[in-house]
């Protein structure tokens, strides 16, 4: 099993090397992607907080329930199922 994992890692490294992508560039690109995702989530969080204060007068319970329902609808409408939740 360990040999299989080691071989798999080496094959991935060799494929990356064939593309002439330095390892540092690979990590920098992934760190920037993760940072971008965190910043988008942070922005959405603050927008939702301002909506909560503006429309629901700071009643977090009501906005949480509505947010939960809207989130489920966003996951359900494109495919007609909730298989995305199964991955959790």
N, C-alpha and C. Protein backbone atom coordinates (compact mmCIF):
# COMPACT_ATOMS: atom_id res chain seq x y z
N UNK A 1 0.83 -1.19 0.00
CA UNK A 1 0.00 0.00 0.00
C UNK A 1 0.87 1.25 0.00
N UNK A 2 1.90 1.27 0.84
CA UNK A 2 2.77 2.43 0.93
C UNK A 2 3.48 2.66 -0.39
N UNK A 3 3.90 1.58 -1.03
CA UNK A 3 4.59 1.69 -2.32
C UNK A 3 3.65 2.28 -3.37
N UNK A 4 2.39 1.89 -3.33
CA UNK A 4 1.40 2.41 -4.27
C UNK A 4 1.20 3.92 -4.08
N UNK A 5 1.12 4.37 -2.85
CA UNK A 5 0.96 5.79 -2.56
C UNK A 5 2.19 6.55 -3.04
N UNK A 6 3.38 6.02 -2.74
CA UNK A 6 4.62 6.67 -3.16
C UNK A 6 4.70 6.76 -4.68
N UNK A 7 4.33 5.70 -5.37
CA UNK A 7 4.35 5.70 -6.84
C UNK A 7 3.36 6.72 -7.38
N UNK A 8 2.19 6.79 -6.78
CA UNK A 8 1.18 7.76 -7.22
C UNK A 8 1.68 9.19 -7.06
N UNK A 9 2.33 9.48 -5.93
CA UNK A 9 2.86 10.82 -5.69
C UNK A 9 3.96 11.14 -6.70
N UNK A 10 4.82 10.19 -6.96
CA UNK A 10 5.91 10.41 -7.92
C UNK A 10 5.37 10.64 -9.32
N UNK A 11 4.34 9.89 -9.71
CA UNK A 11 3.76 10.09 -11.04
C UNK A 11 3.15 11.48 -11.17
N UNK A 12 2.46 11.94 -10.12
CA UNK A 12 1.90 13.29 -10.15
C UNK A 12 3.01 14.33 -10.26
N UNK A 13 4.10 14.12 -9.54
CA UNK A 13 5.22 15.05 -9.59
C UNK A 13 5.84 15.07 -10.98
N UNK A 14 6.01 13.90 -11.58
CA UNK A 14 6.61 13.83 -12.91
C UNK A 14 5.71 14.46 -13.96
N UNK A 15 4.40 14.26 -13.84
CA UNK A 15 3.48 14.90 -14.78
C UNK A 15 3.54 16.41 -14.64
N UNK A 16 3.64 16.89 -13.44
CA UNK A 16 3.74 18.33 -13.21
C UNK A 16 5.04 18.85 -13.80
N UNK A 17 6.10 18.07 -13.66
CA UNK A 17 7.40 18.49 -14.16
C UNK A 17 7.38 18.55 -15.69
N UNK A 18 6.65 17.65 -16.33
CA UNK A 18 6.54 17.66 -17.79
C UNK A 18 5.87 18.94 -18.27
N UNK A 19 4.95 19.47 -17.46
CA UNK A 19 4.28 20.71 -17.85
C UNK A 19 5.16 21.92 -17.59
N UNK A 20 6.33 21.68 -17.02
CA UNK A 20 7.28 22.75 -16.71
C UNK A 20 6.70 23.77 -15.74
N UNK A 21 5.96 23.27 -14.78
CA UNK A 21 5.40 24.14 -13.76
C UNK A 21 6.21 23.94 -12.48
N UNK A 22 6.94 24.96 -12.08
CA UNK A 22 7.74 24.81 -10.86
C UNK A 22 6.84 24.55 -9.65
N UNK A 23 7.39 23.84 -8.70
CA UNK A 23 6.64 23.47 -7.50
C UNK A 23 6.22 24.72 -6.71
N UNK A 24 7.07 25.73 -6.69
CA UNK A 24 6.75 26.97 -5.96
C UNK A 24 5.54 27.65 -6.60
N UNK A 25 5.50 27.69 -7.93
CA UNK A 25 4.37 28.30 -8.64
C UNK A 25 3.08 27.53 -8.35
N UNK A 26 3.18 26.22 -8.27
CA UNK A 26 2.03 25.38 -7.94
C UNK A 26 1.45 25.76 -6.58
N UNK A 27 2.32 25.88 -5.57
CA UNK A 27 1.86 26.23 -4.23
C UNK A 27 1.34 27.66 -4.17
N UNK A 28 2.00 28.58 -4.83
CA UNK A 28 1.55 29.98 -4.83
C UNK A 28 0.17 30.09 -5.46
N UNK A 29 -0.04 29.39 -6.56
CA UNK A 29 -1.33 29.44 -7.23
C UNK A 29 -2.43 28.86 -6.33
N UNK A 30 -2.16 27.77 -5.65
CA UNK A 30 -3.16 27.17 -4.75
C UNK A 30 -3.42 28.05 -3.53
N UNK A 31 -2.40 28.67 -2.99
CA UNK A 31 -2.58 29.57 -1.85
C UNK A 31 -3.40 30.79 -2.26
N UNK A 32 -3.14 31.32 -3.44
CA UNK A 32 -3.92 32.46 -3.92
C UNK A 32 -5.38 32.08 -4.15
N UNK A 33 -5.61 30.88 -4.66
CA UNK A 33 -6.98 30.41 -4.86
C UNK A 33 -7.70 30.29 -3.52
N UNK A 34 -7.05 29.69 -2.55
CA UNK A 34 -7.66 29.54 -1.22
C UNK A 34 -7.92 30.90 -0.58
N UNK A 35 -6.98 31.83 -0.72
CA UNK A 35 -7.16 33.18 -0.17
C UNK A 35 -8.34 33.88 -0.84
N UNK A 36 -8.45 33.72 -2.14
CA UNK A 36 -9.57 34.32 -2.86
C UNK A 36 -10.91 33.77 -2.39
N UNK A 37 -10.96 32.46 -2.16
CA UNK A 37 -12.21 31.86 -1.67
C UNK A 37 -12.57 32.36 -0.29
N UNK A 38 -11.58 32.50 0.58
CA UNK A 38 -11.84 33.00 1.93
C UNK A 38 -12.33 34.44 1.87
N UNK A 39 -11.74 35.27 1.02
CA UNK A 39 -12.16 36.67 0.92
C UNK A 39 -13.56 36.80 0.35
N UNK A 40 -13.91 35.94 -0.61
CA UNK A 40 -15.28 35.96 -1.14
C UNK A 40 -16.26 35.58 -0.04
N UNK A 41 -15.95 34.53 0.73
CA UNK A 41 -16.82 34.12 1.83
C UNK A 41 -16.95 35.24 2.86
N UNK A 42 -15.86 35.92 3.15
CA UNK A 42 -15.88 37.02 4.11
C UNK A 42 -16.79 38.14 3.62
N UNK A 43 -16.71 38.46 2.34
CA UNK A 43 -17.58 39.49 1.77
C UNK A 43 -19.04 39.11 1.82
N UNK A 44 -19.34 37.86 1.49
CA UNK A 44 -20.73 37.38 1.55
C UNK A 44 -21.23 37.44 2.99
N UNK A 45 -20.38 37.07 3.93
CA UNK A 45 -20.77 37.09 5.35
C UNK A 45 -21.16 38.50 5.78
N UNK A 46 -20.36 39.50 5.42
CA UNK A 46 -20.67 40.88 5.81
C UNK A 46 -21.91 41.41 5.10
N UNK A 47 -22.11 41.04 3.85
CA UNK A 47 -23.32 41.45 3.14
C UNK A 47 -24.55 40.86 3.82
N UNK A 48 -24.47 39.58 4.19
CA UNK A 48 -25.61 38.95 4.86
C UNK A 48 -25.85 39.57 6.23
N UNK A 49 -24.79 39.97 6.93
CA UNK A 49 -24.98 40.66 8.21
C UNK A 49 -25.70 41.99 8.03
N UNK A 50 -25.33 42.73 6.98
CA UNK A 50 -26.00 44.01 6.75
C UNK A 50 -27.45 43.81 6.34
N UNK A 51 -27.74 42.75 5.58
CA UNK A 51 -29.14 42.44 5.23
C UNK A 51 -29.92 42.08 6.49
N UNK A 52 -29.27 41.33 7.38
CA UNK A 52 -29.90 40.95 8.64
C UNK A 52 -30.27 42.18 9.46
N UNK A 53 -29.36 43.12 9.55
CA UNK A 53 -29.62 44.33 10.34
C UNK A 53 -30.68 45.20 9.66
N UNK A 54 -30.60 45.33 8.33
CA UNK A 54 -31.50 46.22 7.61
C UNK A 54 -32.93 45.69 7.54
N UNK A 55 -33.09 44.43 7.12
CA UNK A 55 -34.43 43.92 6.85
C UNK A 55 -35.05 43.15 8.03
N UNK A 56 -34.23 42.54 8.86
CA UNK A 56 -34.76 41.72 9.94
C UNK A 56 -34.51 42.33 11.31
N UNK A 57 -34.04 43.56 11.34
CA UNK A 57 -33.81 44.32 12.57
C UNK A 57 -32.95 43.54 13.58
N UNK A 58 -31.98 42.81 13.06
CA UNK A 58 -31.04 42.10 13.92
C UNK A 58 -31.56 40.81 14.52
N UNK A 59 -32.71 40.32 14.05
CA UNK A 59 -33.24 39.04 14.56
C UNK A 59 -32.54 37.90 13.83
N UNK A 60 -31.52 37.39 14.46
CA UNK A 60 -30.67 36.39 13.82
C UNK A 60 -31.40 35.07 13.57
N UNK A 61 -32.34 34.71 14.42
CA UNK A 61 -33.04 33.45 14.26
C UNK A 61 -33.84 33.43 12.96
N UNK A 62 -34.55 34.52 12.70
CA UNK A 62 -35.37 34.60 11.49
C UNK A 62 -34.50 34.60 10.24
N UNK A 63 -33.44 35.38 10.24
CA UNK A 63 -32.58 35.43 9.06
C UNK A 63 -31.83 34.11 8.87
N UNK A 64 -31.53 33.40 9.96
CA UNK A 64 -30.86 32.10 9.84
C UNK A 64 -31.77 31.07 9.18
N UNK A 65 -33.03 31.05 9.58
CA UNK A 65 -33.99 30.11 8.98
C UNK A 65 -34.20 30.43 7.52
N UNK A 66 -34.38 31.71 7.21
CA UNK A 66 -34.57 32.11 5.80
C UNK A 66 -33.30 31.80 5.00
N UNK A 67 -32.14 32.06 5.56
CA UNK A 67 -30.89 31.74 4.88
C UNK A 67 -30.72 30.25 4.63
N UNK A 68 -31.13 29.44 5.59
CA UNK A 68 -31.07 27.99 5.44
C UNK A 68 -31.97 27.53 4.29
N UNK A 69 -33.18 28.06 4.24
CA UNK A 69 -34.12 27.69 3.18
C UNK A 69 -33.61 28.15 1.82
N UNK A 70 -33.11 29.36 1.74
CA UNK A 70 -32.57 29.87 0.47
C UNK A 70 -31.36 29.04 0.04
N UNK A 71 -30.50 28.66 0.98
CA UNK A 71 -29.35 27.83 0.66
C UNK A 71 -29.75 26.47 0.11
N UNK A 72 -30.75 25.85 0.73
CA UNK A 72 -31.24 24.58 0.21
C UNK A 72 -31.83 24.73 -1.19
N UNK A 73 -32.55 25.82 -1.42
CA UNK A 73 -33.10 26.06 -2.76
C UNK A 73 -31.99 26.25 -3.79
N UNK A 74 -30.94 26.97 -3.41
CA UNK A 74 -29.81 27.17 -4.33
C UNK A 74 -29.16 25.84 -4.68
N UNK A 75 -29.07 24.93 -3.73
CA UNK A 75 -28.50 23.61 -4.00
C UNK A 75 -29.46 22.72 -4.77
N UNK A 76 -30.77 22.88 -4.56
CA UNK A 76 -31.76 21.99 -5.16
C UNK A 76 -32.13 22.37 -6.60
N UNK A 77 -32.28 23.64 -6.89
CA UNK A 77 -32.84 24.08 -8.17
C UNK A 77 -32.02 23.64 -9.40
N UNK A 78 -30.70 23.75 -9.45
CA UNK A 78 -30.00 23.38 -10.69
C UNK A 78 -30.16 21.92 -11.11
N UNK A 79 -30.07 20.98 -10.16
CA UNK A 79 -30.12 19.55 -10.51
C UNK A 79 -31.44 18.89 -10.17
N UNK A 80 -32.23 19.49 -9.32
CA UNK A 80 -33.46 18.88 -8.87
C UNK A 80 -33.23 17.85 -7.78
N UNK A 81 -32.05 17.88 -7.15
CA UNK A 81 -31.77 16.98 -6.04
C UNK A 81 -30.79 17.66 -5.08
N UNK A 82 -30.52 17.00 -3.97
CA UNK A 82 -29.61 17.55 -2.97
C UNK A 82 -28.37 16.68 -2.81
N UNK A 83 -27.85 16.14 -3.91
CA UNK A 83 -26.68 15.25 -3.82
C UNK A 83 -25.42 15.98 -3.37
N UNK A 84 -25.39 17.30 -3.52
CA UNK A 84 -24.23 18.05 -3.05
C UNK A 84 -24.05 17.91 -1.54
N UNK A 85 -25.15 17.76 -0.82
CA UNK A 85 -25.09 17.61 0.63
C UNK A 85 -24.53 16.25 1.01
N UNK A 86 -24.73 15.23 0.18
CA UNK A 86 -24.21 13.90 0.48
C UNK A 86 -22.69 13.90 0.58
N UNK A 87 -22.03 14.80 -0.11
CA UNK A 87 -20.57 14.86 -0.11
C UNK A 87 -20.02 15.33 1.22
N UNK A 88 -20.85 15.98 2.02
CA UNK A 88 -20.42 16.46 3.32
C UNK A 88 -20.32 15.31 4.25
